[in-house]
Amino acid sequence: MKKGRIFASTLLFGSLWGFAEIVLGDLLRNAELPAGAILTGVFALGLMLLSRMMFKARGMQFGMALVAGLLRLFNPITTSHICSAIAIMAEGLTFEVLYPLLMPAADEKSTLVLRVSSGVILSYTIYVTGYIISQILTAALSTAGFHPADLLPYLPVIFGSGLLAAVIGGVVAPLVVLPRNVRVEKVENAVLYPISLIGSALCWLAVFSI
């Protein structure tokens, strides 16, 4: 039964993440704001960190990234959907690798400094790693293929663009840790499953209706 709750919650969190990437992402880009860094720092980090603290389930965050990436991939109206989908999935995988190493900094009993530093490191690394992997795999899947010489000149720009994600992550992580009374175990299946399914369906329908 626990696996069913995790699956339903993974679907919901991943759908919310994908919805934000598509709908809010386009709004931010149209406003000429750094959508990638903002979405990573707020939604990617926030949702993955929140779900990890609530469910304590390894692999759930990568599952969320797969759902969000698929939702992004199935909305080809917006630009660079393949590149964005790859970046989202790479962010989820990077979080899974880094979170156990930074667990003391994300624990409820840790100090504010550790929470902030954890958020900074997580947000910066998942953003930069997702950015780089998406560039490599997108080029590799194209007819031109990937050539390291094409990426190297852009690395300073990529590393620099991650600073905003780091700052946002340093704010978001402590806020996510603050609620100490969130006990997902107390939520009945009769409530959790319908909310997850309905919420996920609404996200997908909204995206496909764009």
C-alpha atoms as a PDB file:
ATOM      1  CA  MET A   1       0.000   0.000   0.000  1.00  0.00           C
ATOM      2  CA  LYS A   2       2.893   2.363   0.717  1.00  0.00           C
ATOM      3  CA  LYS A   3       4.187   1.872  -2.824  1.00  0.00           C
ATOM      4  CA  GLY A   4       0.791   2.903  -4.162  1.00  0.00           C
ATOM      5  CA  ARG A   5       0.854   6.105  -2.103  1.00  0.00           C
ATOM      6  CA  ILE A   6       4.353   6.922  -3.315  1.00  0.00           C
ATOM      7  CA  PHE A   7       3.383   6.246  -6.942  1.00  0.00           C
ATOM      8  CA  ALA A   8       0.307   8.474  -6.720  1.00  0.00           C
ATOM      9  CA  SER A   9       2.288  11.254  -5.038  1.00  0.00           C
ATOM     10  CA  THR A  10       5.108  10.934  -7.570  1.00  0.00           C
ATOM     11  CA  LEU A  11       2.587  11.400 -10.356  1.00  0.00           C
ATOM     12  CA  LEU A  12       1.098  14.470  -8.667  1.00  0.00           C
ATOM     13  CA  PHE A  13       4.388  16.184  -7.793  1.00  0.00           C
ATOM     14  CA  GLY A  14       5.847  15.391 -11.212  1.00  0.00           C
ATOM     15  CA  SER A  15       2.774  16.738 -12.992  1.00  0.00           C
ATOM     16  CA  LEU A  16       2.897  19.953 -10.967  1.00  0.00           C
ATOM     17  CA  TRP A  17       6.582  20.312 -11.806  1.00  0.00           C
ATOM     18  CA  GLY A  18       5.951  19.758 -15.520  1.00  0.00           C
ATOM     19  CA  PHE A  19       3.003  22.163 -15.494  1.00  0.00           C
ATOM     20  CA  ALA A  20       5.184  24.851 -13.938  1.00  0.00           C
ATOM     21  CA  GLU A  21       7.956  24.254 -16.472  1.00  0.00           C
ATOM     22  CA  ILE A  22       5.587  24.697 -19.388  1.00  0.00           C
ATOM     23  CA  VAL A  23       3.094  27.339 -18.300  1.00  0.00           C
ATOM     24  CA  LEU A  24       5.134  29.480 -15.932  1.00  0.00           C
ATOM     25  CA  GLY A  25       8.292  28.860 -17.937  1.00  0.00           C
ATOM     26  CA  ASP A  26       6.791  30.400 -21.055  1.00  0.00           C
ATOM     27  CA  LEU A  27       5.491  33.377 -19.073  1.00  0.00           C
ATOM     28  CA  LEU A  28       8.941  33.989 -17.618  1.00  0.00           C
ATOM     29  CA  ARG A  29      10.623  33.667 -21.003  1.00  0.00           C
ATOM     30  CA  ASN A  30       8.154  36.049 -22.589  1.00  0.00           C
ATOM     31  CA  ALA A  31       8.996  38.509 -19.824  1.00  0.00           C
ATOM     32  CA  GLU A  32      12.693  37.960 -20.670  1.00  0.00           C
ATOM     33  CA  LEU A  33      13.451  36.561 -17.217  1.00  0.00           C
ATOM     34  CA  PRO A  34      15.866  33.662 -16.509  1.00  0.00           C
ATOM     35  CA  ALA A  35      13.206  30.954 -16.525  1.00  0.00           C
ATOM     36  CA  GLY A  36      15.582  28.005 -16.136  1.00  0.00           C
ATOM     37  CA  ALA A  37      17.242  29.213 -12.955  1.00  0.00           C
ATOM     38  CA  ILE A  38      13.967  30.373 -11.396  1.00  0.00           C
ATOM     39  CA  LEU A  39      12.115  27.146 -12.152  1.00  0.00           C
ATOM     40  CA  THR A  40      14.993  25.015 -10.880  1.00  0.00           C
ATOM     41  CA  GLY A  41      15.397  26.959  -7.660  1.00  0.00           C
ATOM     42  CA  VAL A  42      11.689  27.208  -6.849  1.00  0.00           C
ATOM     43  CA  PHE A  43       9.886  24.221  -8.341  1.00  0.00           C
ATOM     44  CA  ALA A  44      12.509  21.574  -9.076  1.00  0.00           C
ATOM     45  CA  LEU A  45      14.346  21.942  -5.776  1.00  0.00           C
ATOM     46  CA  GLY A  46      11.256  22.839  -3.744  1.00  0.00           C
ATOM     47  CA  LEU A  47       9.107  19.917  -4.892  1.00  0.00           C
ATOM     48  CA  MET A  48      11.913  17.349  -4.770  1.00  0.00           C
ATOM     49  CA  LEU A  49      13.060  18.443  -1.325  1.00  0.00           C
ATOM     50  CA  LEU A  50       9.501  18.551   0.024  1.00  0.00           C
ATOM     51  CA  SER A  51       8.627  15.100  -1.326  1.00  0.00           C
ATOM     52  CA  ARG A  52      11.860  13.608   0.015  1.00  0.00           C
ATOM     53  CA  MET A  53      11.180  14.952   3.496  1.00  0.00           C
ATOM     54  CA  MET A  54       7.537  13.832   3.423  1.00  0.00           C
ATOM     55  CA  PHE A  55       7.994  10.310   2.057  1.00  0.00           C
ATOM     56  CA  LYS A  56      11.664   9.502   2.768  1.00  0.00           C
ATOM     57  CA  ALA A  57      11.611   7.469  -0.469  1.00  0.00           C
ATOM     58  CA  ARG A  58      14.743   7.198  -2.608  1.00  0.00           C
ATOM     59  CA  GLY A  59      14.060   7.208  -6.320  1.00  0.00           C
ATOM     60  CA  MET A  60      10.806   9.140  -5.948  1.00  0.00           C
ATOM     61  CA  GLN A  61      12.386  12.387  -7.085  1.00  0.00           C
ATOM     62  CA  PHE A  62      13.799  10.831 -10.244  1.00  0.00           C
ATOM     63  CA  GLY A  63      10.326   9.424 -10.893  1.00  0.00           C
ATOM     64  CA  MET A  64       8.917  12.931 -10.522  1.00  0.00           C
ATOM     65  CA  ALA A  65      11.502  14.191 -13.009  1.00  0.00           C
ATOM     66  CA  LEU A  66      10.489  11.491 -15.494  1.00  0.00           C
ATOM     67  CA  VAL A  67       6.832  12.520 -15.215  1.00  0.00           C
ATOM     68  CA  ALA A  68       7.680  16.222 -15.562  1.00  0.00           C
ATOM     69  CA  GLY A  69      10.035  15.518 -18.456  1.00  0.00           C
ATOM     70  CA  LEU A  70       7.431  13.456 -20.294  1.00  0.00           C
ATOM     71  CA  LEU A  71       4.846  16.187 -19.820  1.00  0.00           C
ATOM     72  CA  ARG A  72       7.342  18.706 -21.213  1.00  0.00           C
ATOM     73  CA  LEU A  73       8.133  16.369 -24.096  1.00  0.00           C
ATOM     74  CA  PHE A  74       4.465  15.889 -24.992  1.00  0.00           C
ATOM     75  CA  ASN A  75       3.983  19.641 -25.342  1.00  0.00           C
ATOM     76  CA  PRO A  76       5.948  20.337 -28.545  1.00  0.00           C
ATOM     77  CA  ILE A  77       4.189  23.660 -29.156  1.00  0.00           C
ATOM     78  CA  THR A  78       6.700  25.386 -26.908  1.00  0.00           C
ATOM     79  CA  THR A  79      10.304  25.685 -28.045  1.00  0.00           C
ATOM     80  CA  SER A  80      13.232  23.397 -27.116  1.00  0.00           C
ATOM     81  CA  HIS A  81      10.939  20.765 -25.622  1.00  0.00           C
ATOM     82  CA  ILE A  82      13.420  17.910 -26.083  1.00  0.00           C
ATOM     83  CA  CYS A  83      16.284  19.864 -24.518  1.00  0.00           C
ATOM     84  CA  SER A  84      14.079  20.951 -21.609  1.00  0.00           C
ATOM     85  CA  ALA A  85      12.780  17.416 -21.010  1.00  0.00           C
ATOM     86  CA  ILE A  86      16.331  16.051 -20.855  1.00  0.00           C
ATOM     87  CA  ALA A  87      17.364  18.828 -18.445  1.00  0.00           C
ATOM     88  CA  ILE A  88      14.440  18.075 -16.106  1.00  0.00           C
ATOM     89  CA  MET A  89      15.230  14.363 -15.989  1.00  0.00           C
ATOM     90  CA  ALA A  90      18.908  15.094 -15.400  1.00  0.00           C
ATOM     91  CA  GLU A  91      18.001  17.406 -12.510  1.00  0.00           C
ATOM     92  CA  GLY A  92      16.021  14.623 -10.850  1.00  0.00           C
ATOM     93  CA  LEU A  93      18.887  12.174 -11.196  1.00  0.00           C
ATOM     94  CA  THR A  94      21.395  14.711  -9.860  1.00  0.00           C
ATOM     95  CA  PHE A  95      19.194  15.369  -6.823  1.00  0.00           C
ATOM     96  CA  GLU A  96      19.053  11.632  -6.064  1.00  0.00           C
ATOM     97  CA  VAL A  97      22.852  11.488  -6.051  1.00  0.00           C
ATOM     98  CA  LEU A  98      23.459  14.640  -4.018  1.00  0.00           C
ATOM     99  CA  TYR A  99      20.715  14.500  -1.383  1.00  0.00           C
ATOM    100  CA  PRO A 100      22.207  11.633   0.688  1.00  0.00           C
ATOM    101  CA  LEU A 101      25.520  13.514   0.789  1.00  0.00           C
ATOM    102  CA  LEU A 102      23.795  16.668   2.067  1.00  0.00           C
ATOM    103  CA  MET A 103      21.256  15.010   4.359  1.00  0.00           C
ATOM    104  CA  PRO A 104      22.633  16.561   7.600  1.00  0.00           C
ATOM    105  CA  ALA A 105      22.117  19.994   6.058  1.00  0.00           C
ATOM    106  CA  ALA A 106      18.513  19.229   5.093  1.00  0.00           C
ATOM    107  CA  ASP A 107      17.475  17.667   8.397  1.00  0.00           C
ATOM    108  CA  GLU A 108      14.898  19.404  10.580  1.00  0.00           C
ATOM    109  CA  LYS A 109      17.363  19.637  13.484  1.00  0.00           C
ATOM    110  CA  SER A 110      20.082  21.337  11.461  1.00  0.00           C
ATOM    111  CA  THR A 111      20.944  25.008  11.795  1.00  0.00           C
ATOM    112  CA  LEU A 112      19.718  27.693   9.439  1.00  0.00           C
ATOM    113  CA  VAL A 113      23.210  28.064   7.973  1.00  0.00           C
ATOM    114  CA  LEU A 114      23.315  24.379   7.053  1.00  0.00           C
ATOM    115  CA  ARG A 115      19.853  24.520   5.505  1.00  0.00           C
ATOM    116  CA  VAL A 116      20.785  27.540   3.403  1.00  0.00           C
ATOM    117  CA  SER A 117      24.094  26.043   2.277  1.00  0.00           C
ATOM    118  CA  SER A 118      22.345  22.784   1.419  1.00  0.00           C
ATOM    119  CA  GLY A 119      19.843  24.637  -0.740  1.00  0.00           C
ATOM    120  CA  VAL A 120      22.574  26.637  -2.460  1.00  0.00           C
ATOM    121  CA  ILE A 121      24.634  23.559  -3.329  1.00  0.00           C
ATOM    122  CA  LEU A 122      21.668  21.450  -4.412  1.00  0.00           C
ATOM    123  CA  SER A 123      20.042  24.124  -6.537  1.00  0.00           C
ATOM    124  CA  TYR A 124      23.257  25.235  -8.240  1.00  0.00           C
ATOM    125  CA  THR A 125      24.443  21.718  -8.983  1.00  0.00           C
ATOM    126  CA  ILE A 126      21.178  20.320 -10.287  1.00  0.00           C
ATOM    127  CA  TYR A 127      20.731  23.389 -12.519  1.00  0.00           C
ATOM    128  CA  VAL A 128      24.230  23.355 -13.991  1.00  0.00           C
ATOM    129  CA  THR A 129      24.310  19.570 -14.377  1.00  0.00           C
ATOM    130  CA  GLY A 130      20.904  19.504 -16.040  1.00  0.00           C
ATOM    131  CA  TYR A 131      21.925  22.327 -18.365  1.00  0.00           C
ATOM    132  CA  ILE A 132      25.154  20.634 -19.449  1.00  0.00           C
ATOM    133  CA  ILE A 133      23.667  17.151 -19.866  1.00  0.00           C
ATOM    134  CA  SER A 134      20.782  18.533 -21.907  1.00  0.00           C
ATOM    135  CA  GLN A 135      23.197  20.292 -24.253  1.00  0.00           C
ATOM    136  CA  ILE A 136      25.286  17.153 -24.684  1.00  0.00           C
ATOM    137  CA  LEU A 137      22.409  14.719 -25.236  1.00  0.00           C
ATOM    138  CA  THR A 138      20.399  17.087 -27.445  1.00  0.00           C
ATOM    139  CA  ALA A 139      23.399  17.545 -29.720  1.00  0.00           C
ATOM    140  CA  ALA A 140      24.164  13.817 -29.660  1.00  0.00           C
ATOM    141  CA  LEU A 141      20.602  13.020 -30.772  1.00  0.00           C
ATOM    142  CA  SER A 142      20.766  15.486 -33.654  1.00  0.00           C
ATOM    143  CA  THR A 143      22.217  14.804 -37.081  1.00  0.00           C
ATOM    144  CA  ALA A 144      25.250  16.978 -36.344  1.00  0.00           C
ATOM    145  CA  GLY A 145      26.255  14.983 -33.262  1.00  0.00           C
ATOM    146  CA  PHE A 146      27.982  16.215 -30.124  1.00  0.00           C
ATOM    147  CA  HIS A 147      31.420  17.813 -30.299  1.00  0.00           C
ATOM    148  CA  PRO A 148      33.067  18.921 -27.019  1.00  0.00           C
ATOM    149  CA  ALA A 149      34.613  21.918 -28.740  1.00  0.00           C
ATOM    150  CA  ASP A 150      31.124  23.321 -29.343  1.00  0.00           C
ATOM    151  CA  LEU A 151      30.245  23.208 -25.628  1.00  0.00           C
ATOM    152  CA  LEU A 152      33.464  24.384 -24.011  1.00  0.00           C
ATOM    153  CA  PRO A 153      33.096  28.112 -24.913  1.00  0.00           C
ATOM    154  CA  TYR A 154      29.652  28.171 -23.257  1.00  0.00           C
ATOM    155  CA  LEU A 155      30.667  26.562 -19.965  1.00  0.00           C
ATOM    156  CA  PRO A 156      31.521  29.879 -18.233  1.00  0.00           C
ATOM    157  CA  VAL A 157      28.089  31.202 -19.239  1.00  0.00           C
ATOM    158  CA  ILE A 158      26.375  28.062 -17.913  1.00  0.00           C
ATOM    159  CA  PHE A 159      28.287  28.166 -14.629  1.00  0.00           C
ATOM    160  CA  GLY A 160      27.504  31.853 -14.231  1.00  0.00           C
ATOM    161  CA  SER A 161      23.799  31.424 -14.974  1.00  0.00           C
ATOM    162  CA  GLY A 162      23.563  28.922 -12.124  1.00  0.00           C
ATOM    163  CA  LEU A 163      24.282  31.599  -9.520  1.00  0.00           C
ATOM    164  CA  LEU A 164      20.681  32.802  -9.535  1.00  0.00           C
ATOM    165  CA  ALA A 165      19.453  29.241  -9.009  1.00  0.00           C
ATOM    166  CA  ALA A 166      21.863  28.947  -6.085  1.00  0.00           C
ATOM    167  CA  VAL A 167      20.537  32.112  -4.428  1.00  0.00           C
ATOM    168  CA  ILE A 168      16.927  31.010  -4.873  1.00  0.00           C
ATOM    169  CA  GLY A 169      17.755  27.548  -3.527  1.00  0.00           C
ATOM    170  CA  GLY A 170      19.293  29.103  -0.435  1.00  0.00           C
ATOM    171  CA  VAL A 171      15.932  30.725   0.288  1.00  0.00           C
ATOM    172  CA  VAL A 172      13.634  27.877  -0.746  1.00  0.00           C
ATOM    173  CA  ALA A 173      15.362  25.050   1.159  1.00  0.00           C
ATOM    174  CA  PRO A 174      14.933  26.561   4.665  1.00  0.00           C
ATOM    175  CA  LEU A 175      11.287  27.396   3.882  1.00  0.00           C
ATOM    176  CA  VAL A 176      10.588  23.809   2.867  1.00  0.00           C
ATOM    177  CA  VAL A 177      12.182  22.485   6.053  1.00  0.00           C
ATOM    178  CA  LEU A 178      10.193  24.814   8.346  1.00  0.00           C
ATOM    179  CA  PRO A 179       6.861  22.882   8.499  1.00  0.00           C
ATOM    180  CA  ARG A 180       7.634  20.191  11.083  1.00  0.00           C
ATOM    181  CA  ASN A 181       4.100  18.863  11.437  1.00  0.00           C
ATOM    182  CA  VAL A 182       3.602  17.593   7.894  1.00  0.00           C
ATOM    183  CA  ARG A 183       2.742  13.914   8.393  1.00  0.00           C
ATOM    184  CA  VAL A 184       1.701  12.353   5.124  1.00  0.00           C
ATOM    185  CA  GLU A 185       1.083   9.052   6.943  1.00  0.00           C
ATOM    186  CA  LYS A 186      -2.027  10.606   8.490  1.00  0.00           C
ATOM    187  CA  VAL A 187      -3.590  11.315   5.090  1.00  0.00           C
ATOM    188  CA  GLU A 188      -6.101   8.599   4.280  1.00  0.00           C
ATOM    189  CA  ASN A 189      -5.847   6.732   0.977  1.00  0.00           C
ATOM    190  CA  ALA A 190      -9.416   7.772   0.200  1.00  0.00           C
ATOM    191  CA  VAL A 191      -8.174  11.372   0.185  1.00  0.00           C
ATOM    192  CA  LEU A 192      -4.639  10.965  -1.156  1.00  0.00           C
ATOM    193  CA  TYR A 193      -5.469   8.940  -4.263  1.00  0.00           C
ATOM    194  CA  PRO A 194      -8.297  11.131  -5.614  1.00  0.00           C
ATOM    195  CA  ILE A 195      -6.312  14.318  -4.977  1.00  0.00           C
ATOM    196  CA  SER A 196      -3.262  12.881  -6.739  1.00  0.00           C
ATOM    197  CA  LEU A 197      -5.193  11.582  -9.726  1.00  0.00           C
ATOM    198  CA  ILE A 198      -7.409  14.640 -10.157  1.00  0.00           C
ATOM    199  CA  GLY A 199      -4.522  17.073  -9.659  1.00  0.00           C
ATOM    200  CA  SER A 200      -2.338  15.200 -12.145  1.00  0.00           C
ATOM    201  CA  ALA A 201      -5.134  14.966 -14.704  1.00  0.00           C
ATOM    202  CA  LEU A 202      -5.818  18.701 -14.453  1.00  0.00           C
ATOM    203  CA  CYS A 203      -2.141  19.486 -15.050  1.00  0.00           C
ATOM    204  CA  TRP A 204      -1.967  17.266 -18.130  1.00  0.00           C
ATOM    205  CA  LEU A 205      -5.261  18.538 -19.534  1.00  0.00           C
ATOM    206  CA  ALA A 206      -4.171  22.134 -19.012  1.00  0.00           C
ATOM    207  CA  VAL A 207      -0.900  21.518 -20.838  1.00  0.00           C
ATOM    208  CA  PHE A 208      -2.516  19.726 -23.781  1.00  0.00           C
ATOM    209  CA  SER A 209      -5.105  22.475 -24.123  1.00  0.00           C
ATOM    210  CA  ILE A 210      -2.459  25.156 -24.616  1.00  0.00           C
END
